[in-house]
Amino acid sequence: MTTSETSQYVRLHVELVLEIQDPGALTGAALEQIADDEFMPDEERAHAGATVREDGAEALAYLVDPFDLVGEVPGVELAQASWSSEQIEYDPDAEEWDLDEEDGEYEDEAGTDDDAGR
């Protein structure tokens, strides 16, 4: 298949593990983001505020914007994005967290490993 016959769309998989070192600062920033969102209905704003006060992962989800990751990359336009966050148990020494190990989790239609470019 030539380049002109292949899709110009690329799915970029990114996995981050973040340590929340200042829950108050994170929650405050998320609440500010929610308060400043002029398109959020008041009922949703109240629910979002309660949610971020209870869960740092939810607060983080309100602050992370995939557009910020690729907005300045020349020659690309973000077509679609979704993201989520969750609290996890993390052990940097555990084998499951070895990001350099090929695991074949993401395979394209031909069965080749897309993680090879990491």
Protein backbone atom coordinates (compact mmCIF):
# COMPACT_ATOMS: atom_id res chain seq x y z
CA MET A 1 0.00 0.00 0.00
CA THR A 2 1.44 3.37 -0.96
CA THR A 3 1.44 6.40 1.31
CA SER A 4 -1.39 7.97 -0.70
CA GLU A 5 -3.54 4.87 -0.08
CA THR A 6 -3.00 4.75 3.67
CA SER A 7 -5.05 6.64 6.22
CA GLN A 8 -3.77 10.00 7.36
CA TYR A 9 -5.26 9.39 10.81
CA VAL A 10 -3.03 8.18 13.63
CA ARG A 11 -4.10 6.90 17.05
CA LEU A 12 -1.57 8.02 19.66
CA HIS A 13 -1.60 5.98 22.88
CA VAL A 14 -0.15 7.77 25.90
CA GLU A 15 -0.10 6.43 29.44
CA LEU A 16 0.99 8.62 32.32
CA VAL A 17 1.31 7.87 36.01
CA LEU A 18 1.21 11.01 38.12
CA GLU A 19 1.81 11.43 41.83
CA ILE A 20 -0.51 13.93 43.48
CA GLN A 21 1.78 15.79 45.86
CA ASP A 22 -0.56 18.64 46.80
CA PRO A 23 -4.22 17.52 46.73
CA GLY A 24 -5.43 20.97 47.85
CA ALA A 25 -3.69 22.74 44.98
CA LEU A 26 -5.02 20.18 42.49
CA THR A 27 -8.57 20.44 43.78
CA GLY A 28 -8.41 24.24 43.85
CA ALA A 29 -7.20 24.41 40.26
CA ALA A 30 -9.93 22.02 39.12
CA LEU A 31 -12.62 24.02 40.93
CA GLU A 32 -11.31 27.19 39.28
CA GLN A 33 -11.41 25.50 35.87
CA ILE A 34 -15.01 24.40 36.48
CA ALA A 35 -16.05 27.87 37.69
CA ASP A 36 -14.48 29.48 34.60
CA ASP A 37 -16.22 27.12 32.12
CA GLU A 38 -18.90 29.39 30.66
CA PHE A 39 -20.51 26.53 28.72
CA MET A 40 -21.07 24.22 31.70
CA PRO A 41 -24.68 24.20 32.96
CA ASP A 42 -25.10 25.14 36.64
CA GLU A 43 -26.42 21.69 37.60
CA GLU A 44 -23.40 20.01 36.02
CA ARG A 45 -21.07 22.58 37.63
CA ALA A 46 -22.40 21.69 41.10
CA HIS A 47 -21.97 17.97 40.45
CA ALA A 48 -18.47 18.47 39.00
CA GLY A 49 -17.41 20.54 42.00
CA ALA A 50 -18.56 17.87 44.43
CA THR A 51 -16.81 15.16 42.40
CA VAL A 52 -13.42 16.89 42.26
CA ARG A 53 -13.53 17.63 46.00
CA GLU A 54 -13.84 13.87 46.67
CA ASP A 55 -11.46 12.43 44.05
CA GLY A 56 -8.07 13.70 42.94
CA ALA A 57 -8.26 11.60 39.77
CA GLU A 58 -11.45 13.42 38.78
CA ALA A 59 -9.84 16.78 39.55
CA LEU A 60 -6.96 15.85 37.27
CA ALA A 61 -9.34 14.85 34.47
CA TYR A 62 -10.83 18.38 34.53
CA LEU A 63 -7.37 19.91 34.12
CA VAL A 64 -5.78 17.70 31.46
CA ASP A 65 -6.68 18.60 27.90
CA PRO A 66 -5.45 16.40 25.03
CA PHE A 67 -5.46 19.43 22.75
CA ASP A 68 -2.68 20.91 24.90
CA LEU A 69 -0.54 17.86 24.06
CA VAL A 70 -0.78 18.29 20.28
CA GLY A 71 -2.09 21.82 19.75
CA GLU A 72 1.34 23.19 18.88
CA VAL A 73 2.47 20.23 16.74
CA PRO A 74 2.89 21.47 13.16
CA GLY A 75 0.95 19.74 10.41
CA VAL A 76 -1.63 17.97 12.59
CA GLU A 77 -5.15 18.69 13.75
CA LEU A 78 -6.83 16.89 16.65
CA ALA A 79 -9.78 15.01 15.14
CA GLN A 80 -11.08 13.26 18.28
CA ALA A 81 -9.94 12.74 21.86
CA SER A 82 -11.03 10.92 24.95
CA TRP A 83 -9.31 10.47 28.26
CA SER A 84 -9.97 9.24 31.74
CA SER A 85 -8.18 9.05 35.05
CA GLU A 86 -8.34 6.68 37.98
CA GLN A 87 -6.57 6.15 41.26
CA ILE A 88 -4.22 3.18 41.11
CA GLU A 89 -1.76 1.23 43.19
CA TYR A 90 1.69 1.98 41.80
CA ASP A 91 4.95 0.14 42.37
CA PRO A 92 7.67 1.45 40.05
CA ASP A 93 9.68 -1.74 40.63
CA ALA A 94 6.85 -4.07 39.57
CA GLU A 95 7.23 -5.75 36.20
CA GLU A 96 3.80 -4.53 35.05
CA TRP A 97 5.08 -0.93 35.16
CA ASP A 98 8.12 -1.56 32.92
CA LEU A 99 7.22 0.75 30.04
CA ASP A 100 10.29 -0.33 28.05
CA GLU A 101 9.10 -3.92 27.76
CA GLU A 102 7.30 -4.87 24.54
CA ASP A 103 3.95 -6.38 25.43
CA GLY A 104 2.15 -6.37 22.09
CA GLU A 105 -0.93 -4.79 23.67
CA TYR A 106 -1.59 -2.48 20.75
CA GLU A 107 -1.56 -4.25 17.43
CA ASP A 108 -2.67 -2.90 14.07
CA GLU A 109 -4.65 -4.89 11.52
CA ALA A 110 -1.50 -6.53 10.12
CA GLY A 111 -0.60 -7.74 13.62
CA THR A 112 2.51 -5.59 14.02
CA ASP A 113 3.29 -3.95 17.32
CA ASP A 114 2.51 -0.22 17.28
CA ASP A 115 4.39 0.29 20.56
CA ALA A 116 7.74 -0.14 18.81
CA GLY A 117 8.13 3.61 18.34
CA ARG A 118 8.04 4.40 22.05
